[in-house]
Amino acid sequence: MTAPLAQKALLDFLGRPESYGLDSNEQVVRIDTHISAVFLAGDKAYKLKKAVQLPFLDFSSLAAREKFCKAELAVNRRTAPDLYLEVAPVYQGAAGDFSLGGPGEIVDWLVVMRRFDQEERLDRLFARGALDRHAVTDLAEVVAEFHVKADVMPGFGGRAGLAHVIATNDATFALTALPRERTLLLKARSEAWLEKATPILEARRSGGFVRHVHGDLHLGNVFRHEGKPVLFDAIDFNEEFASVDTLYDLAFLLMDLDHGGHRGLASALFNHYLPFAGEWAGGKTGGLLALPLFLSLRAAIRSHVEATRAAQCDEPNEATLRLTESKRYLEEALDYLDPPPPRLIAVGGLSGSGKSRLARELAPFLGAAPGALVLRSDVIRKRLLGKSMFERLAPEAYGAEMTIRTFEALFAEAKAALEAGHSVIADAVFARPEQRERLPALAASCGVPFDAAWVEAPPAVLMERVQTRSRNASDATPQVLEMQQDYELGGLDWPRIDSSGTKEDTLARARKVLRI
């Protein structure tokens, strides 16, 4: 990795164990990005900002590096207070020798962190297949909590904020070896999508969805500590990049998972995040129309970062691999801006039938990335009552009036999502004929196809599932299930899917019936 000449000797110094008071046989691990170098030494990590100047940052002066090291400490203590320890100077003596404790002249600055196991980074876990649905739903809750508490920044974001990102991406692309005709096409398509999304972006900005968030929230900037995800390495060098729409912040994780070939995990993260973050499709703040642009911009950033790193590589094979990956990200950025048309799917069934699990597993196969929006009546009911997903409701919350409110919200949110071009899976018991009849009419009004499935299993299977599930939005008890067995379903003409077998068999049958 080629370093700025002014820092080359310093980087060599930081790569030696003796520089940290360690034995000469101890290993110092160096991790490079295009803007920094991190040295893992002993029980600490030392991060040096490279003296580079790019269209979106300027670390070329000592004063700038000191300023942004201190900013990095502050912004990351919001999510990882135990990780970020201090900002420390690097000294150079009269003889030209460097030291971390002086004496001499301060010639650079380091962010000092507590070292953690690099194999616990989520990108590493993901690469070795150790990131599952439960891990990403934990991640969704952590990110949502961070977003909800983050400072509102109404002076940023909106149309102007994303226009700046598009322009910055393009200026950076122009400095790379990527095919210029493709990057210019991406710029043109991004600007066209921005025009379409401007009203919703401005509504979200004025509605409090632009906040001082992470800004660089990909899998490599999250690690697992005591079983829970911890966010680190947030953007400190560009306030515009860090003060963005919360859904745009999330989009980096979604794109990362999707790029890695696991849209199912991206879908699980997306659908679990929304209710915890106060997001939903209905109303002026629904961000689904902007999501393809958000994902595309994140892929574009990955593309030019990889291209920049390719140009910095001393090793030709690594440079070739990085440039190839950069081109792949570029094509994905273009693909996100050409999403498939939306569909409306309904999945009904009694409690314990597996309808919610099936809805979740069908979602990644439907429509625009990261898959269909799953609108679950159990979650909507709780949200309308100001409760979290896993809080139990009193029996009166399931009365006729509240049920009507719940389904009206479900239909309204489905309509808003479909009109934004996003596929929807409606997940509810749908025991009443009038509830089922609303759905094809809704689809027709939005000009989208409609399909449905009724999920069922023997009563003993339903009962076992209701009795054994945990961390589930449904409040159904064995008594509720017994009551449901007596429902008069009316003229139920939805295709029936037996869910008593394995979840893989159920999914395969459903995909065949629903032509997914």
Protein backbone atom coordinates (compact mmCIF):
# COMPACT_ATOMS: atom_id res chain seq x y z
CA MET A 1 0.00 0.00 0.00
CA THR A 2 1.59 3.28 -1.09
CA ALA A 3 1.62 5.94 1.64
CA PRO A 4 2.14 9.71 1.35
CA LEU A 5 5.91 10.25 1.29
CA ALA A 6 5.82 12.61 4.27
CA GLN A 7 4.43 9.80 6.45
CA LYS A 8 6.33 6.83 5.06
CA ALA A 9 9.02 6.83 7.77
CA LEU A 10 6.36 7.28 10.44
CA LEU A 11 4.37 4.33 9.10
CA ASP A 12 7.50 2.21 9.23
CA PHE A 13 8.02 3.28 12.86
CA LEU A 14 4.43 2.42 13.79
CA GLY A 15 4.84 -1.02 12.27
CA ARG A 16 7.59 -1.99 14.75
CA PRO A 17 6.70 -3.57 18.13
CA GLU A 18 9.47 -1.66 19.93
CA SER A 19 7.62 1.58 19.18
CA TYR A 20 4.98 0.55 21.70
CA GLY A 21 7.35 -0.86 24.32
CA LEU A 22 6.71 -4.43 23.19
CA ASP A 23 9.24 -7.22 22.73
CA SER A 24 10.73 -7.32 19.27
CA ASN A 25 9.24 -10.77 18.62
CA GLU A 26 5.66 -9.57 19.18
CA GLN A 27 3.60 -8.97 16.08
CA VAL A 28 2.12 -5.64 15.02
CA VAL A 29 -0.78 -6.04 12.59
CA ARG A 30 -1.36 -3.25 10.09
CA ILE A 31 -4.78 -2.61 8.54
CA ASP A 32 -5.02 -0.04 5.74
CA THR A 33 -7.89 1.86 4.22
CA HIS A 34 -7.54 4.50 1.55
CA ILE A 35 -7.51 7.24 4.25
CA SER A 36 -5.99 5.66 7.34
CA ALA A 37 -3.67 3.01 8.74
CA VAL A 38 -4.44 1.11 11.94
CA PHE A 39 -1.76 -0.71 13.91
CA LEU A 40 -2.79 -3.47 16.31
CA ALA A 41 -0.11 -3.64 18.98
CA GLY A 42 -0.47 -5.38 22.32
CA ASP A 43 -3.88 -4.69 23.80
CA LYS A 44 -4.40 -1.42 21.88
CA ALA A 45 -5.01 -0.16 18.36
CA TYR A 46 -3.39 3.01 17.00
CA LYS A 47 -4.98 4.77 14.06
CA LEU A 48 -3.09 7.23 11.87
CA LYS A 49 -4.90 9.42 9.38
CA LYS A 50 -3.03 9.46 6.08
CA ALA A 51 -1.94 12.85 4.81
CA VAL A 52 -4.23 12.65 1.78
CA GLN A 53 -6.51 15.13 0.06
CA LEU A 54 -9.59 13.83 -1.78
CA PRO A 55 -12.74 15.53 -3.07
CA PHE A 56 -14.54 14.68 0.18
CA LEU A 57 -11.78 15.17 2.81
CA ASP A 58 -8.52 16.95 3.49
CA PHE A 59 -6.03 15.38 5.93
CA SER A 60 -3.02 17.02 4.28
CA SER A 61 -2.11 19.31 7.21
CA LEU A 62 -1.03 18.38 10.74
CA ALA A 63 -3.70 20.70 12.17
CA ALA A 64 -6.41 18.94 10.17
CA ARG A 65 -5.28 15.52 11.35
CA GLU A 66 -5.32 16.64 14.97
CA LYS A 67 -8.78 18.16 14.54
CA PHE A 68 -10.26 15.07 12.96
CA CYS A 69 -8.61 12.67 15.38
CA LYS A 70 -10.35 14.52 18.20
CA ALA A 71 -13.60 14.56 16.24
CA GLU A 72 -13.30 10.80 15.71
CA LEU A 73 -12.94 10.24 19.44
CA ALA A 74 -16.06 12.29 20.17
CA VAL A 75 -18.40 10.87 17.55
CA ASN A 76 -17.50 7.25 18.25
CA ARG A 77 -17.88 7.49 21.99
CA ARG A 78 -21.63 7.73 21.30
CA THR A 79 -21.75 4.04 20.37
CA ALA A 80 -18.44 2.60 21.63
CA PRO A 81 -17.35 4.56 24.73
CA ASP A 82 -15.23 1.69 26.06
CA LEU A 83 -13.38 1.27 22.77
CA TYR A 84 -12.16 4.82 22.13
CA LEU A 85 -9.54 5.80 24.73
CA GLU A 86 -7.68 8.97 23.72
CA VAL A 87 -5.95 11.04 21.06
CA ALA A 88 -2.16 10.86 21.42
CA PRO A 89 0.63 12.85 19.73
CA VAL A 90 3.60 11.40 17.86
CA TYR A 91 6.90 13.16 18.52
CA GLN A 92 10.06 13.50 16.47
CA GLY A 93 13.34 14.21 18.23
CA ALA A 94 16.24 16.31 17.04
CA ALA A 95 17.93 13.26 15.57
CA GLY A 96 14.83 12.44 13.51
CA ASP A 97 13.68 9.53 15.67
CA PHE A 98 9.96 9.10 16.41
CA SER A 99 8.38 8.34 19.78
CA LEU A 100 4.93 8.17 21.34
CA GLY A 101 5.98 9.79 24.60
CA GLY A 102 8.33 12.57 23.58
CA PRO A 103 10.46 14.60 23.80
CA GLY A 104 10.53 16.44 20.52
CA GLU A 105 8.20 18.15 18.08
CA ILE A 106 4.65 16.88 17.53
CA VAL A 107 4.59 15.63 13.94
CA ASP A 108 1.34 13.65 13.88
CA TRP A 109 -1.60 12.36 15.89
CA LEU A 110 -3.09 8.96 16.65
CA VAL A 111 -6.48 7.79 17.80
CA VAL A 112 -5.82 5.20 20.50
CA MET A 113 -8.38 2.44 20.96
CA ARG A 114 -8.82 -0.69 22.99
CA ARG A 115 -8.04 -3.65 20.78
CA PHE A 116 -10.75 -6.16 19.99
CA ASP A 117 -10.72 -9.49 18.20
CA GLN A 118 -10.81 -8.69 14.47
CA GLU A 119 -12.56 -11.98 13.82
CA GLU A 120 -15.56 -10.54 15.66
CA ARG A 121 -16.05 -7.85 13.04
CA LEU A 122 -19.32 -8.45 11.24
CA ASP A 123 -17.70 -8.51 7.82
CA ARG A 124 -15.45 -11.34 9.02
CA LEU A 125 -18.38 -13.19 10.59
CA PHE A 126 -20.35 -12.72 7.39
CA ALA A 127 -17.51 -14.01 5.23
CA ARG A 128 -17.30 -17.25 7.15
CA GLY A 129 -21.07 -17.77 7.31
CA ALA A 130 -21.39 -16.98 11.02
CA LEU A 131 -23.88 -14.14 10.64
CA ASP A 132 -27.47 -15.38 10.93
CA ARG A 133 -30.93 -13.84 11.10
CA HIS A 134 -30.81 -13.44 14.88
CA ALA A 135 -27.53 -11.55 14.62
CA VAL A 136 -28.91 -9.12 12.04
CA THR A 137 -32.13 -8.52 14.00
CA ASP A 138 -29.97 -7.69 17.04
CA LEU A 139 -28.07 -5.33 14.76
CA ALA A 140 -31.34 -3.78 13.55
CA GLU A 141 -32.36 -2.96 17.12
CA VAL A 142 -28.97 -1.45 17.99
CA VAL A 143 -28.91 0.71 14.86
CA ALA A 144 -32.53 1.79 15.34
CA GLU A 145 -31.86 2.82 18.95
CA PHE A 146 -28.81 4.82 17.86
CA HIS A 147 -30.78 6.54 15.10
CA VAL A 148 -33.69 7.43 17.35
CA LYS A 149 -31.36 9.05 19.90
CA ALA A 150 -29.11 10.82 17.37
CA ASP A 151 -29.26 14.60 17.06
CA VAL A 152 -31.73 15.92 14.48
CA MET A 153 -29.93 17.91 11.76
CA PRO A 154 -32.57 19.70 9.64
CA GLY A 155 -29.93 21.88 7.96
CA PHE A 156 -28.50 18.85 6.18
CA GLY A 157 -29.79 16.01 4.04
CA GLY A 158 -32.78 16.30 1.75
CA ARG A 159 -32.27 17.00 -1.92
CA ALA A 160 -29.17 19.13 -1.42
CA GLY A 161 -27.47 16.52 0.72
CA LEU A 162 -27.85 13.74 -1.82
CA ALA A 163 -27.01 16.04 -4.72
CA HIS A 164 -23.72 16.67 -2.92
CA VAL A 165 -23.12 12.92 -2.55
CA ILE A 166 -23.81 12.34 -6.26
CA ALA A 167 -21.45 15.15 -7.26
CA THR A 168 -18.73 13.99 -4.86
CA ASN A 169 -19.02 10.42 -6.08
CA ASP A 170 -18.69 11.58 -9.66
CA ALA A 171 -15.69 13.81 -8.92
CA THR A 172 -13.99 10.85 -7.23
CA PHE A 173 -14.90 8.46 -10.05
CA ALA A 174 -13.21 10.85 -12.48
CA LEU A 175 -9.91 10.23 -10.68
CA THR A 176 -10.13 6.44 -10.98
CA ALA A 177 -9.48 3.86 -13.69
CA LEU A 178 -13.18 2.94 -13.93
CA PRO A 179 -14.85 3.29 -17.37
CA ARG A 180 -15.95 6.90 -17.54
CA GLU A 181 -18.98 6.19 -19.71
CA ARG A 182 -20.40 3.92 -16.98
CA THR A 183 -19.75 6.38 -14.17
CA LEU A 184 -21.33 9.19 -16.17
CA LEU A 185 -24.36 6.98 -16.83
CA LEU A 186 -24.62 6.36 -13.09
CA LYS A 187 -24.45 10.10 -12.44
CA ALA A 188 -27.26 10.78 -14.91
CA ARG A 189 -29.50 8.02 -13.54
CA SER A 190 -28.83 9.09 -9.96
CA GLU A 191 -29.77 12.67 -10.74
CA ALA A 192 -32.98 11.52 -12.45
CA TRP A 193 -33.94 9.43 -9.41
CA LEU A 194 -33.11 12.35 -7.14
CA GLU A 195 -35.62 14.51 -9.02
CA LYS A 196 -38.31 11.87 -8.49
CA ALA A 197 -37.49 11.43 -4.81
CA THR A 198 -37.06 15.11 -3.91
CA PRO A 199 -40.52 15.64 -2.31
CA ILE A 200 -40.13 12.65 -0.01
CA LEU A 201 -36.54 13.52 0.83
CA GLU A 202 -37.54 17.04 1.83
CA ALA A 203 -40.50 15.75 3.84
CA ARG A 204 -38.19 13.40 5.72
CA ARG A 205 -35.68 16.17 6.35
CA SER A 206 -38.33 18.46 7.80
CA GLY A 207 -39.87 15.51 9.64
CA GLY A 208 -36.74 14.79 11.68
CA PHE A 209 -35.32 11.82 9.77
CA VAL A 210 -32.04 13.57 8.95
CA ARG A 211 -29.78 13.06 11.96
CA HIS A 212 -26.13 13.03 12.98
CA VAL A 213 -25.68 9.30 12.52
CA HIS A 214 -22.77 7.04 11.60
CA GLY A 215 -22.24 7.86 7.94
CA ASP A 216 -20.12 4.81 7.08
CA LEU A 217 -22.22 2.01 8.51
CA HIS A 218 -20.98 -1.05 6.68
CA LEU A 219 -20.32 -4.50 8.14
CA GLY A 220 -16.63 -3.81 8.70
CA ASN A 221 -17.51 -0.98 11.08
CA VAL A 222 -19.46 -3.18 13.49
CA PHE A 223 -18.02 -5.80 15.82
CA ARG A 224 -19.57 -8.25 18.23
CA HIS A 225 -18.86 -7.78 21.93
CA GLU A 226 -20.36 -10.14 24.49
CA GLY A 227 -22.83 -11.28 21.86
CA LYS A 228 -24.08 -7.80 20.92
CA PRO A 229 -23.14 -5.58 17.96
CA VAL A 230 -21.12 -2.42 18.61
CA LEU A 231 -20.88 0.37 16.02
CA PHE A 232 -17.51 2.09 15.56
CA ASP A 233 -15.46 4.16 13.09
CA ALA A 234 -18.21 6.66 12.31
CA ILE A 235 -17.42 9.50 9.91
CA ASP A 236 -15.66 12.41 11.57
CA PHE A 237 -14.18 14.25 8.59
CA ASN A 238 -17.26 15.47 6.75
CA GLU A 239 -20.37 16.70 8.57
CA GLU A 240 -22.48 16.40 5.43
CA PHE A 241 -21.62 12.70 5.11
CA ALA A 242 -22.52 12.01 8.74
CA SER A 243 -25.69 14.13 8.92
CA VAL A 244 -27.91 12.12 6.63
CA ASP A 245 -31.26 10.42 6.34
CA THR A 246 -31.42 7.54 8.79
CA LEU A 247 -32.57 5.17 6.06
CA TYR A 248 -29.58 6.21 3.95
CA ASP A 249 -27.34 5.34 6.91
CA LEU A 250 -28.97 1.90 7.17
CA ALA A 251 -28.64 1.41 3.41
CA PHE A 252 -24.90 0.77 3.66
CA LEU A 253 -25.51 -2.36 5.76
CA LEU A 254 -28.33 -3.46 3.46
CA MET A 255 -26.14 -3.03 0.40
CA ASP A 256 -23.23 -4.84 2.07
CA LEU A 257 -25.36 -7.89 2.86
CA ASP A 258 -26.94 -7.85 -0.59
CA HIS A 259 -23.57 -7.53 -2.32
CA GLY A 260 -22.38 -10.54 -0.35
CA GLY A 261 -25.14 -12.67 -1.81
CA HIS A 262 -27.42 -12.74 1.24
CA ARG A 263 -30.46 -10.66 0.39
CA GLY A 264 -32.36 -12.73 2.97
CA LEU A 265 -30.24 -11.23 5.76
CA ALA A 266 -30.61 -7.76 4.23
CA SER A 267 -34.38 -8.23 4.14
CA ALA A 268 -34.45 -9.40 7.77
CA LEU A 269 -32.41 -6.36 8.84
CA PHE A 270 -34.62 -4.00 6.84
CA ASN A 271 -37.97 -5.31 8.06
CA HIS A 272 -36.88 -5.61 11.68
CA TYR A 273 -35.33 -2.13 11.74
CA LEU A 274 -38.39 -0.23 10.49
CA PRO A 275 -40.74 -0.58 13.48
CA PHE A 276 -37.96 -0.01 16.03
CA ALA A 277 -36.86 3.15 14.22
CA GLY A 278 -40.35 4.63 13.89
CA GLU A 279 -40.35 4.03 10.15
CA TRP A 280 -43.26 2.77 8.08
CA ALA A 281 -44.53 3.13 4.55
CA GLY A 282 -47.50 5.39 5.17
CA GLY A 283 -47.47 9.14 5.64
CA LYS A 284 -45.25 11.85 4.25
CA THR A 285 -42.04 10.51 5.80
CA GLY A 286 -42.05 7.03 4.25
CA GLY A 287 -38.67 6.62 2.57
CA LEU A 288 -39.25 3.62 0.29
CA LEU A 289 -39.28 5.71 -2.88
CA ALA A 290 -35.76 6.89 -2.08
CA LEU A 291 -34.41 3.48 -1.06
CA PRO A 292 -33.15 2.46 -4.54
CA LEU A 293 -31.18 5.71 -4.70
CA PHE A 294 -29.83 5.19 -1.17
CA LEU A 295 -28.63 1.69 -2.03
CA SER A 296 -27.14 2.83 -5.32
CA LEU A 297 -25.19 5.65 -3.70
CA ARG A 298 -23.78 3.26 -1.11
CA ALA A 299 -22.66 0.85 -3.82
CA ALA A 300 -21.15 3.79 -5.71
CA ILE A 301 -19.15 4.81 -2.65
CA ARG A 302 -17.84 1.27 -2.29
CA SER A 303 -16.95 1.31 -5.97
CA HIS A 304 -14.80 4.43 -5.93
CA VAL A 305 -13.21 3.51 -2.59
CA GLU A 306 -12.10 0.16 -4.01
CA ALA A 307 -10.84 1.87 -7.17
CA THR A 308 -8.87 4.38 -5.10
CA ARG A 309 -7.36 1.58 -3.02
CA ALA A 310 -6.48 -0.29 -6.21
CA ALA A 311 -4.50 2.73 -7.37
CA GLN A 312 -2.66 2.84 -4.01
CA CYS A 313 -1.67 -0.84 -4.12
CA ASP A 314 1.98 -1.79 -4.62
CA GLU A 315 1.01 -5.41 -5.32
CA PRO A 316 -0.32 -5.79 -8.93
CA ASN A 317 -2.54 -8.80 -8.18
CA GLU A 318 -4.23 -7.02 -5.28
CA ALA A 319 -4.72 -3.94 -7.44
CA THR A 320 -6.38 -6.05 -10.15
CA LEU A 321 -8.70 -7.75 -7.65
CA ARG A 322 -9.73 -4.44 -6.12
CA LEU A 323 -10.42 -2.87 -9.50
CA THR A 324 -12.52 -5.89 -10.51
CA GLU A 325 -14.53 -5.59 -7.29
CA SER A 326 -14.89 -1.87 -7.90
CA LYS A 327 -16.43 -2.54 -11.31
CA ARG A 328 -18.84 -5.03 -9.77
CA TYR A 329 -20.02 -2.43 -7.25
CA LEU A 330 -20.45 0.07 -10.08
CA GLU A 331 -22.74 -2.28 -11.99
CA GLU A 332 -24.74 -2.98 -8.82
CA ALA A 333 -25.13 0.77 -8.29
CA LEU A 334 -26.69 0.98 -11.75
CA ASP A 335 -28.89 -2.09 -11.15
CA TYR A 336 -30.40 -0.64 -7.95
CA LEU A 337 -31.77 2.23 -10.03
CA ASP A 338 -33.65 -0.21 -12.29
CA PRO A 339 -35.81 -2.15 -9.79
CA PRO A 340 -38.42 -4.76 -10.82
CA PRO A 341 -42.10 -3.75 -10.63
CA PRO A 342 -43.92 -4.19 -7.30
CA ARG A 343 -46.38 -6.90 -6.30
CA LEU A 344 -48.84 -7.35 -3.46
CA ILE A 345 -48.86 -10.72 -1.69
CA ALA A 346 -51.10 -11.67 1.23
CA VAL A 347 -50.22 -14.48 3.64
CA GLY A 348 -52.98 -15.52 6.03
CA GLY A 349 -53.56 -18.26 8.55
CA LEU A 350 -54.35 -18.99 12.17
CA SER A 351 -51.89 -18.40 14.98
CA GLY A 352 -49.02 -20.88 14.86
CA SER A 353 -49.54 -21.63 11.18
CA GLY A 354 -46.11 -20.24 10.29
CA LYS A 355 -47.50 -17.42 8.16
CA SER A 356 -45.16 -14.78 9.62
CA ARG A 357 -42.12 -16.97 9.14
CA LEU A 358 -43.21 -17.67 5.57
CA ALA A 359 -43.81 -13.97 4.89
CA ARG A 360 -40.31 -13.20 6.18
CA GLU A 361 -38.74 -15.89 4.00
CA LEU A 362 -40.67 -14.89 0.88
CA ALA A 363 -39.74 -11.21 1.19
CA PRO A 364 -36.20 -11.40 -0.28
CA PHE A 365 -37.56 -12.90 -3.50
CA LEU A 366 -39.96 -10.05 -4.21
CA GLY A 367 -39.38 -6.73 -5.93
CA ALA A 368 -36.79 -4.08 -5.28
CA ALA A 369 -33.86 -4.66 -2.94
CA PRO A 370 -33.68 -5.72 -0.21
CA GLY A 371 -37.05 -7.39 -0.82
CA ALA A 372 -40.69 -6.83 0.02
CA LEU A 373 -41.90 -4.71 2.91
CA VAL A 374 -43.59 -7.10 5.34
CA LEU A 375 -46.60 -5.46 6.98
CA ARG A 376 -47.54 -7.61 9.96
CA SER A 377 -50.81 -6.83 11.71
CA ASP A 378 -49.39 -7.81 15.12
CA VAL A 379 -46.64 -5.21 14.80
CA ILE A 380 -48.93 -2.50 13.39
CA ARG A 381 -51.43 -2.96 16.22
CA LYS A 382 -48.72 -2.45 18.83
CA ARG A 383 -47.27 0.54 17.04
CA LEU A 384 -50.68 2.22 16.93
CA LEU A 385 -50.93 1.75 20.68
CA GLY A 386 -47.45 3.12 21.31
CA LYS A 387 -46.00 -0.25 22.29
CA SER A 388 -42.81 -1.97 21.15
CA MET A 389 -42.86 -5.14 19.10
CA PHE A 390 -42.39 -7.51 22.03
CA GLU A 391 -44.63 -5.84 24.62
CA ARG A 392 -47.75 -7.82 25.41
CA LEU A 393 -51.09 -6.09 24.96
CA ALA A 394 -54.13 -6.29 27.19
CA PRO A 395 -57.06 -8.36 25.84
CA GLU A 396 -59.09 -5.21 25.07
CA ALA A 397 -56.45 -4.24 22.49
CA TYR A 398 -57.86 -7.03 20.34
CA GLY A 399 -61.41 -5.71 20.31
CA ALA A 400 -63.36 -4.96 17.14
CA GLU A 401 -62.56 -1.22 17.05
CA MET A 402 -58.80 -1.71 17.42
CA THR A 403 -58.83 -4.50 14.86
CA ILE A 404 -60.51 -2.19 12.33
CA ARG A 405 -57.89 0.50 13.02
CA THR A 406 -55.10 -2.03 12.58
CA PHE A 407 -56.31 -3.27 9.21
CA GLU A 408 -57.02 0.25 7.94
CA ALA A 409 -53.42 1.15 8.77
CA LEU A 410 -52.16 -2.01 7.08
CA PHE A 411 -54.08 -1.24 3.90
CA ALA A 412 -52.98 2.42 3.89
CA GLU A 413 -49.34 1.51 4.38
CA ALA A 414 -49.50 -1.18 1.72
CA LYS A 415 -50.92 1.36 -0.72
CA ALA A 416 -48.20 3.90 0.08
CA ALA A 417 -45.44 1.31 -0.37
CA LEU A 418 -46.86 0.03 -3.66
CA GLU A 419 -47.21 3.55 -5.00
CA ALA A 420 -43.56 4.09 -4.08
CA GLY A 421 -42.68 1.10 -6.27
CA HIS A 422 -41.98 -1.33 -3.43
CA SER A 423 -43.48 -4.81 -3.12
CA VAL A 424 -45.55 -5.66 -0.05
CA ILE A 425 -46.38 -8.84 1.85
CA ALA A 426 -49.43 -8.39 4.07
CA ASP A 427 -49.19 -10.76 7.05
CA ALA A 428 -52.31 -11.25 9.17
CA VAL A 429 -54.86 -13.89 10.15
CA PHE A 430 -57.27 -12.49 7.51
CA ALA A 431 -60.12 -14.50 9.01
CA ARG A 432 -62.85 -12.13 7.82
CA PRO A 433 -63.96 -12.18 4.18
CA GLU A 434 -64.19 -8.37 4.08
CA GLN A 435 -60.52 -8.12 5.06
CA ARG A 436 -59.51 -10.46 2.27
CA GLU A 437 -61.72 -8.70 -0.26
CA ARG A 438 -59.95 -5.37 0.26
CA LEU A 439 -56.64 -6.70 -0.98
CA PRO A 440 -57.27 -7.43 -4.69
CA ALA A 441 -59.10 -4.10 -4.97
CA LEU A 442 -56.12 -2.36 -3.38
CA ALA A 443 -53.73 -4.03 -5.81
CA ALA A 444 -55.91 -3.07 -8.77
CA SER A 445 -56.00 0.57 -7.64
CA CYS A 446 -52.18 0.58 -7.63
CA GLY A 447 -51.91 -1.29 -10.92
CA VAL A 448 -49.97 -4.22 -9.45
CA PRO A 449 -50.55 -7.99 -9.43
CA PHE A 450 -52.11 -9.63 -6.36
CA ASP A 451 -51.63 -13.16 -5.06
CA ALA A 452 -52.45 -14.80 -1.74
CA ALA A 453 -51.88 -17.95 0.25
CA TRP A 454 -53.59 -19.49 3.30
CA VAL A 455 -51.09 -21.27 5.54
CA GLU A 456 -52.33 -24.15 7.66
CA ALA A 457 -51.20 -27.10 9.75
CA PRO A 458 -52.89 -29.69 12.02
CA PRO A 459 -54.22 -28.27 15.32
CA ALA A 460 -51.60 -30.10 17.40
CA VAL A 461 -48.80 -28.50 15.35
CA LEU A 462 -50.36 -25.06 15.73
CA MET A 463 -50.66 -25.52 19.48
CA GLU A 464 -47.06 -26.65 19.91
CA ARG A 465 -45.79 -23.64 17.98
CA VAL A 466 -47.86 -21.17 20.00
CA GLN A 467 -46.68 -22.70 23.27
CA THR A 468 -42.98 -22.74 22.44
CA ARG A 469 -42.24 -19.51 20.58
CA SER A 470 -40.39 -16.59 22.14
CA ARG A 471 -39.53 -12.98 21.18
CA ASN A 472 -42.52 -12.91 18.89
CA ALA A 473 -44.79 -9.98 18.13
CA SER A 474 -47.86 -12.21 18.39
CA ASP A 475 -49.65 -12.27 21.74
CA ALA A 476 -51.68 -15.35 20.80
CA THR A 477 -52.06 -17.87 23.61
CA PRO A 478 -53.35 -21.46 23.49
CA GLN A 479 -56.75 -20.06 24.53
CA VAL A 480 -56.72 -17.62 21.60
CA LEU A 481 -55.83 -20.43 19.22
CA GLU A 482 -58.69 -22.56 20.53
CA MET A 483 -61.05 -19.66 19.87
CA GLN A 484 -59.67 -19.24 16.33
CA GLN A 485 -60.46 -22.87 15.54
CA ASP A 486 -64.14 -21.90 15.58
CA TYR A 487 -63.76 -18.99 13.13
CA GLU A 488 -66.21 -18.98 10.25
CA LEU A 489 -63.87 -18.12 7.40
CA GLY A 490 -66.55 -17.69 4.75
CA GLY A 491 -65.68 -18.28 1.13
CA LEU A 492 -61.94 -18.76 1.49
CA ASP A 493 -60.64 -19.19 -2.05
CA TRP A 494 -56.94 -18.55 -1.37
CA PRO A 495 -54.58 -21.41 -2.27
CA ARG A 496 -53.81 -23.49 0.82
CA ILE A 497 -50.26 -24.33 1.85
CA ASP A 498 -49.52 -27.05 4.38
CA SER A 499 -46.79 -25.79 6.73
CA SER A 500 -46.51 -28.89 8.91
CA GLY A 501 -43.29 -30.01 7.24
CA THR A 502 -39.91 -28.31 7.18
CA LYS A 503 -39.68 -24.58 6.60
CA GLU A 504 -37.73 -25.30 3.41
CA ASP A 505 -40.57 -27.43 2.05
CA THR A 506 -43.15 -24.81 3.02
CA LEU A 507 -41.17 -22.06 1.31
CA ALA A 508 -40.75 -24.12 -1.84
CA ARG A 509 -44.50 -24.85 -2.03
CA ALA A 510 -45.36 -21.21 -1.43
CA ARG A 511 -42.96 -19.96 -4.09
CA LYS A 512 -44.51 -22.35 -6.59
CA VAL A 513 -48.08 -21.37 -5.70
CA LEU A 514 -47.29 -17.64 -5.69
CA ARG A 515 -45.01 -17.81 -8.76
CA ILE A 516 -42.11 -16.18 -6.97
